[in-house]
């Protein structure tokens, strides 16, 4: 059985030590997937804002989260 702490450590290694071969565009999807696995949440989403204030919703764990993100934008 894999303990939660081991899974959390593995998530940090994956997100932080991916190196040059890791596609930056995949990062939100990996983050959402890992948070969905580790947290007791109904859904997970990522919102990103660029320097001029434009907000994007690049990843969501479920369609209802995606809808919520779009409402918030």
PDB file of N, CA and C in Angstrom:
ATOM      1  N   UNK A   1       0.844  -1.183   0.000  1.00  0.00           N
ATOM      2  CA  UNK A   1       0.000   0.000   0.000  1.00  0.00           C
ATOM      3  C   UNK A   1       0.890   1.248   0.000  1.00  0.00           C
ATOM      4  N   UNK A   2       0.579   2.160  -0.891  1.00  0.00           N
ATOM      5  CA  UNK A   2       1.343   3.402  -0.975  1.00  0.00           C
ATOM      6  C   UNK A   2       0.696   4.429  -0.054  1.00  0.00           C
ATOM      7  N   UNK A   3       1.497   4.981   0.829  1.00  0.00           N
ATOM      8  CA  UNK A   3       0.979   5.964   1.771  1.00  0.00           C
ATOM      9  C   UNK A   3       0.814   7.314   1.099  1.00  0.00           C
ATOM     10  N   UNK A   4      -0.067   8.111   1.657  1.00  0.00           N
ATOM     11  CA  UNK A   4      -0.370   9.427   1.090  1.00  0.00           C
ATOM     12  C   UNK A   4       0.887  10.291   0.996  1.00  0.00           C
ATOM     13  N   UNK A   5       1.738  10.225   1.994  1.00  0.00           N
ATOM     14  CA  UNK A   5       2.966  11.026   1.987  1.00  0.00           C
ATOM     15  C   UNK A   5       3.879  10.641   0.830  1.00  0.00           C
ATOM     16  N   UNK A   6       3.941   9.347   0.521  1.00  0.00           N
ATOM     17  CA  UNK A   6       4.759   8.896  -0.602  1.00  0.00           C
ATOM     18  C   UNK A   6       4.177   9.394  -1.922  1.00  0.00           C
ATOM     19  N   UNK A   7       2.875   9.357  -2.035  1.00  0.00           N
ATOM     20  CA  UNK A   7       2.222   9.855  -3.243  1.00  0.00           C
ATOM     21  C   UNK A   7       2.430  11.350  -3.393  1.00  0.00           C
ATOM     22  N   UNK A   8       2.361  12.095  -2.274  1.00  0.00           N
ATOM     23  CA  UNK A   8       2.593  13.530  -2.298  1.00  0.00           C
ATOM     24  C   UNK A   8       4.038  13.838  -2.712  1.00  0.00           C
ATOM     25  N   UNK A   9       4.991  13.111  -2.145  1.00  0.00           N
ATOM     26  CA  UNK A   9       6.395  13.302  -2.507  1.00  0.00           C
ATOM     27  C   UNK A   9       6.611  13.005  -3.990  1.00  0.00           C
ATOM     28  N   UNK A  10       5.985  11.942  -4.488  1.00  0.00           N
ATOM     29  CA  UNK A  10       6.093  11.601  -5.896  1.00  0.00           C
ATOM     30  C   UNK A  10       5.519  12.712  -6.777  1.00  0.00           C
ATOM     31  N   UNK A  11       4.421  13.317  -6.334  1.00  0.00           N
ATOM     32  CA  UNK A  11       3.821  14.423  -7.088  1.00  0.00           C
ATOM     33  C   UNK A  11       4.773  15.608  -7.168  1.00  0.00           C
ATOM     34  N   UNK A  12       5.432  15.947  -6.057  1.00  0.00           N
ATOM     35  CA  UNK A  12       6.389  17.061  -6.065  1.00  0.00           C
ATOM     36  C   UNK A  12       7.580  16.758  -6.971  1.00  0.00           C
ATOM     37  N   UNK A  13       8.050  15.536  -6.959  1.00  0.00           N
ATOM     38  CA  UNK A  13       9.161  15.153  -7.834  1.00  0.00           C
ATOM     39  C   UNK A  13       8.736  15.276  -9.290  1.00  0.00           C
ATOM     40  N   UNK A  14       7.555  14.803  -9.600  1.00  0.00           N
ATOM     41  CA  UNK A  14       7.055  14.881 -10.970  1.00  0.00           C
ATOM     42  C   UNK A  14       6.916  16.326 -11.424  1.00  0.00           C
ATOM     43  N   UNK A  15       6.325  17.165 -10.576  1.00  0.00           N
ATOM     44  CA  UNK A  15       6.076  18.561 -10.960  1.00  0.00           C
ATOM     45  C   UNK A  15       7.339  19.411 -10.926  1.00  0.00           C
ATOM     46  N   UNK A  16       8.225  19.160  -9.968  1.00  0.00           N
ATOM     47  CA  UNK A  16       9.393  20.012  -9.810  1.00  0.00           C
ATOM     48  C   UNK A  16      10.628  19.553 -10.546  1.00  0.00           C
ATOM     49  N   UNK A  17      10.759  18.277 -10.784  1.00  0.00           N
ATOM     50  CA  UNK A  17      11.984  17.776 -11.372  1.00  0.00           C
ATOM     51  C   UNK A  17      11.806  17.204 -12.748  1.00  0.00           C
ATOM     52  N   UNK A  18      10.864  17.704 -13.472  1.00  0.00           N
ATOM     53  CA  UNK A  18      10.550  17.118 -14.769  1.00  0.00           C
ATOM     54  C   UNK A  18      11.639  17.365 -15.805  1.00  0.00           C
ATOM     55  N   UNK A  19      12.352  18.459 -15.701  1.00  0.00           N
ATOM     56  CA  UNK A  19      13.432  18.735 -16.628  1.00  0.00           C
ATOM     57  C   UNK A  19      12.958  19.295 -17.956  1.00  0.00           C
ATOM     58  N   UNK A  20      13.892  19.402 -18.878  1.00  0.00           N
ATOM     59  CA  UNK A  20      13.627  20.046 -20.162  1.00  0.00           C
ATOM     60  C   UNK A  20      12.664  19.251 -21.039  1.00  0.00           C
ATOM     61  N   UNK A  21      12.624  17.931 -20.858  1.00  0.00           N
ATOM     62  CA  UNK A  21      11.754  17.128 -21.712  1.00  0.00           C
ATOM     63  C   UNK A  21      10.276  17.270 -21.364  1.00  0.00           C
ATOM     64  N   UNK A  22       9.987  17.879 -20.234  1.00  0.00           N
ATOM     65  CA  UNK A  22       8.609  18.049 -19.794  1.00  0.00           C
ATOM     66  C   UNK A  22       7.989  19.228 -20.533  1.00  0.00           C
ATOM     67  N   UNK A  23       6.843  19.018 -21.120  1.00  0.00           N
ATOM     68  CA  UNK A  23       6.152  20.080 -21.844  1.00  0.00           C
ATOM     69  C   UNK A  23       5.428  20.988 -20.859  1.00  0.00           C
ATOM     70  N   UNK A  24       5.707  22.279 -20.922  1.00  0.00           N
ATOM     71  CA  UNK A  24       5.087  23.232 -20.006  1.00  0.00           C
ATOM     72  C   UNK A  24       3.566  23.238 -20.153  1.00  0.00           C
ATOM     73  N   UNK A  25       3.075  22.972 -21.339  1.00  0.00           N
ATOM     74  CA  UNK A  25       1.631  22.969 -21.563  1.00  0.00           C
ATOM     75  C   UNK A  25       0.940  21.836 -20.811  1.00  0.00           C
ATOM     76  N   UNK A  26       1.666  20.774 -20.483  1.00  0.00           N
ATOM     77  CA  UNK A  26       1.090  19.641 -19.750  1.00  0.00           C
ATOM     78  C   UNK A  26       1.019  19.886 -18.255  1.00  0.00           C
ATOM     79  N   UNK A  27       1.775  20.839 -17.746  1.00  0.00           N
ATOM     80  CA  UNK A  27       1.862  21.070 -16.305  1.00  0.00           C
ATOM     81  C   UNK A  27       0.501  21.256 -15.633  1.00  0.00           C
ATOM     82  N   UNK A  28      -0.411  22.091 -16.162  1.00  0.00           N
ATOM     83  CA  UNK A  28      -1.723  22.227 -15.498  1.00  0.00           C
ATOM     84  C   UNK A  28      -2.497  20.913 -15.429  1.00  0.00           C
ATOM     85  N   UNK A  29      -2.404  20.107 -16.466  1.00  0.00           N
ATOM     86  CA  UNK A  29      -3.115  18.823 -16.480  1.00  0.00           C
ATOM     87  C   UNK A  29      -2.534  17.851 -15.456  1.00  0.00           C
ATOM     88  N   UNK A  30      -1.205  17.827 -15.371  1.00  0.00           N
ATOM     89  CA  UNK A  30      -0.550  16.962 -14.383  1.00  0.00           C
ATOM     90  C   UNK A  30      -0.899  17.438 -12.981  1.00  0.00           C
ATOM     91  N   UNK A  31      -0.867  18.745 -12.761  1.00  0.00           N
ATOM     92  CA  UNK A  31      -1.203  19.305 -11.451  1.00  0.00           C
ATOM     93  C   UNK A  31      -2.633  18.955 -11.054  1.00  0.00           C
ATOM     94  N   UNK A  32      -3.569  19.104 -11.977  1.00  0.00           N
ATOM     95  CA  UNK A  32      -4.970  18.777 -11.698  1.00  0.00           C
ATOM     96  C   UNK A  32      -5.121  17.295 -11.375  1.00  0.00           C
ATOM     97  N   UNK A  33      -4.490  16.448 -12.178  1.00  0.00           N
ATOM     98  CA  UNK A  33      -4.604  15.007 -11.955  1.00  0.00           C
ATOM     99  C   UNK A  33      -4.045  14.612 -10.585  1.00  0.00           C
ATOM    100  N   UNK A  34      -2.887  15.151 -10.246  1.00  0.00           N
ATOM    101  CA  UNK A  34      -2.271  14.821  -8.954  1.00  0.00           C
ATOM    102  C   UNK A  34      -3.090  15.349  -7.784  1.00  0.00           C
ATOM    103  N   UNK A  35      -3.602  16.572  -7.885  1.00  0.00           N
ATOM    104  CA  UNK A  35      -4.439  17.128  -6.813  1.00  0.00           C
ATOM    105  C   UNK A  35      -5.717  16.328  -6.655  1.00  0.00           C
ATOM    106  N   UNK A  36      -6.290  15.911  -7.768  1.00  0.00           N
ATOM    107  CA  UNK A  36      -7.512  15.109  -7.718  1.00  0.00           C
ATOM    108  C   UNK A  36      -7.254  13.772  -7.021  1.00  0.00           C
ATOM    109  N   UNK A  37      -6.071  13.184  -7.227  1.00  0.00           N
ATOM    110  CA  UNK A  37      -5.710  11.926  -6.584  1.00  0.00           C
ATOM    111  C   UNK A  37      -5.471  12.095  -5.079  1.00  0.00           C
ATOM    112  N   UNK A  38      -4.884  13.225  -4.691  1.00  0.00           N
ATOM    113  CA  UNK A  38      -4.406  13.399  -3.317  1.00  0.00           C
ATOM    114  C   UNK A  38      -5.387  14.096  -2.385  1.00  0.00           C
ATOM    115  N   UNK A  39      -6.266  14.916  -2.915  1.00  0.00           N
ATOM    116  CA  UNK A  39      -7.148  15.719  -2.072  1.00  0.00           C
ATOM    117  C   UNK A  39      -8.557  15.134  -2.030  1.00  0.00           C
ATOM    118  N   UNK A  40      -9.211  15.336  -0.950  1.00  0.00           N
ATOM    119  CA  UNK A  40     -10.607  14.893  -0.818  1.00  0.00           C
ATOM    120  C   UNK A  40     -11.514  16.028  -1.303  1.00  0.00           C
ATOM    121  N   UNK A  41     -11.452  16.300  -2.600  1.00  0.00           N
ATOM    122  CA  UNK A  41     -12.232  17.381  -3.190  1.00  0.00           C
ATOM    123  C   UNK A  41     -13.183  16.811  -4.236  1.00  0.00           C
ATOM    124  N   UNK A  42     -14.278  17.506  -4.465  1.00  0.00           N
ATOM    125  CA  UNK A  42     -15.231  17.076  -5.483  1.00  0.00           C
ATOM    126  C   UNK A  42     -14.715  17.345  -6.889  1.00  0.00           C
ATOM    127  N   UNK A  43     -13.825  18.315  -7.016  1.00  0.00           N
ATOM    128  CA  UNK A  43     -13.255  18.650  -8.316  1.00  0.00           C
ATOM    129  C   UNK A  43     -12.086  19.585  -8.148  1.00  0.00           C
ATOM    130  N   UNK A  44     -11.239  19.618  -9.148  1.00  0.00           N
ATOM    131  CA  UNK A  44     -10.025  20.429  -9.100  1.00  0.00           C
ATOM    132  C   UNK A  44      -9.902  21.179 -10.416  1.00  0.00           C
ATOM    133  N   UNK A  45      -9.479  22.436 -10.334  1.00  0.00           N
ATOM    134  CA  UNK A  45      -9.250  23.216 -11.537  1.00  0.00           C
ATOM    135  C   UNK A  45      -8.090  24.170 -11.340  1.00  0.00           C
ATOM    136  N   UNK A  46      -7.536  24.602 -12.451  1.00  0.00           N
ATOM    137  CA  UNK A  46      -6.428  25.554 -12.436  1.00  0.00           C
ATOM    138  C   UNK A  46      -6.857  26.788 -13.222  1.00  0.00           C
ATOM    139  N   UNK A  47      -6.693  27.948 -12.609  1.00  0.00           N
ATOM    140  CA  UNK A  47      -6.886  29.223 -13.293  1.00  0.00           C
ATOM    141  C   UNK A  47      -5.543  29.925 -13.344  1.00  0.00           C
ATOM    142  N   UNK A  48      -5.178  30.469 -14.503  1.00  0.00           N
ATOM    143  CA  UNK A  48      -3.913  31.189 -14.670  1.00  0.00           C
ATOM    144  C   UNK A  48      -4.205  32.598 -15.161  1.00  0.00           C
ATOM    145  N   UNK A  49      -3.455  33.556 -14.624  1.00  0.00           N
ATOM    146  CA  UNK A  49      -3.573  34.945 -15.073  1.00  0.00           C
ATOM    147  C   UNK A  49      -2.221  35.402 -15.593  1.00  0.00           C
ATOM    148  N   UNK A  50      -2.210  36.032 -16.754  1.00  0.00           N
ATOM    149  CA  UNK A  50      -0.954  36.555 -17.279  1.00  0.00           C
ATOM    150  C   UNK A  50      -0.753  37.982 -16.771  1.00  0.00           C
ATOM    151  N   UNK A  51       0.400  38.584 -17.032  1.00  0.00           N
ATOM    152  CA  UNK A  51       0.700  39.912 -16.472  1.00  0.00           C
ATOM    153  C   UNK A  51      -0.305  41.009 -16.816  1.00  0.00           C
ATOM    154  N   UNK A  52      -0.983  40.889 -17.953  1.00  0.00           N
ATOM    155  CA  UNK A  52      -1.959  41.939 -18.289  1.00  0.00           C
ATOM    156  C   UNK A  52      -3.349  41.648 -17.735  1.00  0.00           C
ATOM    157  N   UNK A  53      -3.492  40.565 -16.942  1.00  0.00           N
ATOM    158  CA  UNK A  53      -4.745  40.291 -16.253  1.00  0.00           C
ATOM    159  C   UNK A  53      -5.694  39.342 -16.962  1.00  0.00           C
ATOM    160  N   UNK A  54      -5.294  38.834 -18.110  1.00  0.00           N
ATOM    161  CA  UNK A  54      -6.129  37.875 -18.822  1.00  0.00           C
ATOM    162  C   UNK A  54      -6.111  36.543 -18.072  1.00  0.00           C
ATOM    163  N   UNK A  55      -7.298  36.024 -17.766  1.00  0.00           N
ATOM    164  CA  UNK A  55      -7.407  34.775 -17.007  1.00  0.00           C
ATOM    165  C   UNK A  55      -7.797  33.648 -17.955  1.00  0.00           C
ATOM    166  N   UNK A  56      -7.124  32.511 -17.775  1.00  0.00           N
ATOM    167  CA  UNK A  56      -7.418  31.317 -18.570  1.00  0.00           C
ATOM    168  C   UNK A  56      -7.684  30.151 -17.634  1.00  0.00           C
ATOM    169  N   UNK A  57      -8.425  29.179 -18.126  1.00  0.00           N
ATOM    170  CA  UNK A  57      -8.724  27.956 -17.375  1.00  0.00           C
ATOM    171  C   UNK A  57      -8.164  26.776 -18.165  1.00  0.00           C
ATOM    172  N   UNK A  58      -6.875  26.457 -17.984  1.00  0.00           N
ATOM    173  CA  UNK A  58      -6.251  25.437 -18.831  1.00  0.00           C
ATOM    174  C   UNK A  58      -6.568  23.988 -18.485  1.00  0.00           C
ATOM    175  N   UNK A  59      -7.029  23.723 -17.260  1.00  0.00           N
ATOM    176  CA  UNK A  59      -7.251  22.321 -16.888  1.00  0.00           C
ATOM    177  C   UNK A  59      -8.301  22.204 -15.799  1.00  0.00           C
ATOM    178  N   UNK A  60      -9.062  21.108 -15.860  1.00  0.00           N
ATOM    179  CA  UNK A  60     -10.074  20.812 -14.845  1.00  0.00           C
ATOM    180  C   UNK A  60     -10.230  19.300 -14.754  1.00  0.00           C
ATOM    181  N   UNK A  61     -10.575  18.836 -13.566  1.00  0.00           N
ATOM    182  CA  UNK A  61     -10.712  17.397 -13.366  1.00  0.00           C
ATOM    183  C   UNK A  61     -12.038  16.849 -13.888  1.00  0.00           C
ATOM    184  N   UNK A  62     -13.059  17.681 -13.922  1.00  0.00           N
ATOM    185  CA  UNK A  62     -14.387  17.241 -14.346  1.00  0.00           C
ATOM    186  C   UNK A  62     -15.059  18.370 -15.125  1.00  0.00           C
ATOM    187  N   UNK A  63     -16.019  18.024 -15.938  1.00  0.00           N
ATOM    188  CA  UNK A  63     -16.701  19.030 -16.757  1.00  0.00           C
ATOM    189  C   UNK A  63     -17.408  20.083 -15.901  1.00  0.00           C
ATOM    190  N   UNK A  64     -17.987  19.694 -14.758  1.00  0.00           N
ATOM    191  CA  UNK A  64     -18.664  20.682 -13.917  1.00  0.00           C
ATOM    192  C   UNK A  64     -17.672  21.686 -13.334  1.00  0.00           C
ATOM    193  N   UNK A  65     -16.441  21.275 -13.118  1.00  0.00           N
ATOM    194  CA  UNK A  65     -15.404  22.216 -12.665  1.00  0.00           C
ATOM    195  C   UNK A  65     -15.065  23.169 -13.795  1.00  0.00           C
ATOM    196  N   UNK A  66     -14.978  22.662 -15.011  1.00  0.00           N
ATOM    197  CA  UNK A  66     -14.692  23.504 -16.167  1.00  0.00           C
ATOM    198  C   UNK A  66     -15.763  24.586 -16.310  1.00  0.00           C
ATOM    199  N   UNK A  67     -17.017  24.233 -16.136  1.00  0.00           N
ATOM    200  CA  UNK A  67     -18.108  25.209 -16.225  1.00  0.00           C
ATOM    201  C   UNK A  67     -17.956  26.265 -15.141  1.00  0.00           C
ATOM    202  N   UNK A  68     -17.639  25.836 -13.915  1.00  0.00           N
ATOM    203  CA  UNK A  68     -17.436  26.779 -12.817  1.00  0.00           C
ATOM    204  C   UNK A  68     -16.287  27.738 -13.123  1.00  0.00           C
ATOM    205  N   UNK A  69     -15.213  27.221 -13.708  1.00  0.00           N
ATOM    206  CA  UNK A  69     -14.085  28.075 -14.072  1.00  0.00           C
ATOM    207  C   UNK A  69     -14.519  29.141 -15.081  1.00  0.00           C
ATOM    208  N   UNK A  70     -15.264  28.730 -16.077  1.00  0.00           N
ATOM    209  CA  UNK A  70     -15.697  29.679 -17.101  1.00  0.00           C
ATOM    210  C   UNK A  70     -16.621  30.737 -16.535  1.00  0.00           C
ATOM    211  N   UNK A  71     -17.438  30.395 -15.562  1.00  0.00           N
ATOM    212  CA  UNK A  71     -18.311  31.371 -14.906  1.00  0.00           C
ATOM    213  C   UNK A  71     -17.452  32.380 -14.131  1.00  0.00           C
ATOM    214  N   UNK A  72     -16.388  31.927 -13.506  1.00  0.00           N
ATOM    215  CA  UNK A  72     -15.528  32.810 -12.711  1.00  0.00           C
ATOM    216  C   UNK A  72     -14.733  33.757 -13.595  1.00  0.00           C
ATOM    217  N   UNK A  73     -14.437  33.339 -14.797  1.00  0.00           N
ATOM    218  CA  UNK A  73     -13.671  34.211 -15.716  1.00  0.00           C
ATOM    219  C   UNK A  73     -14.592  35.303 -16.186  1.00  0.00           C
TER     220      UNK A  73
END
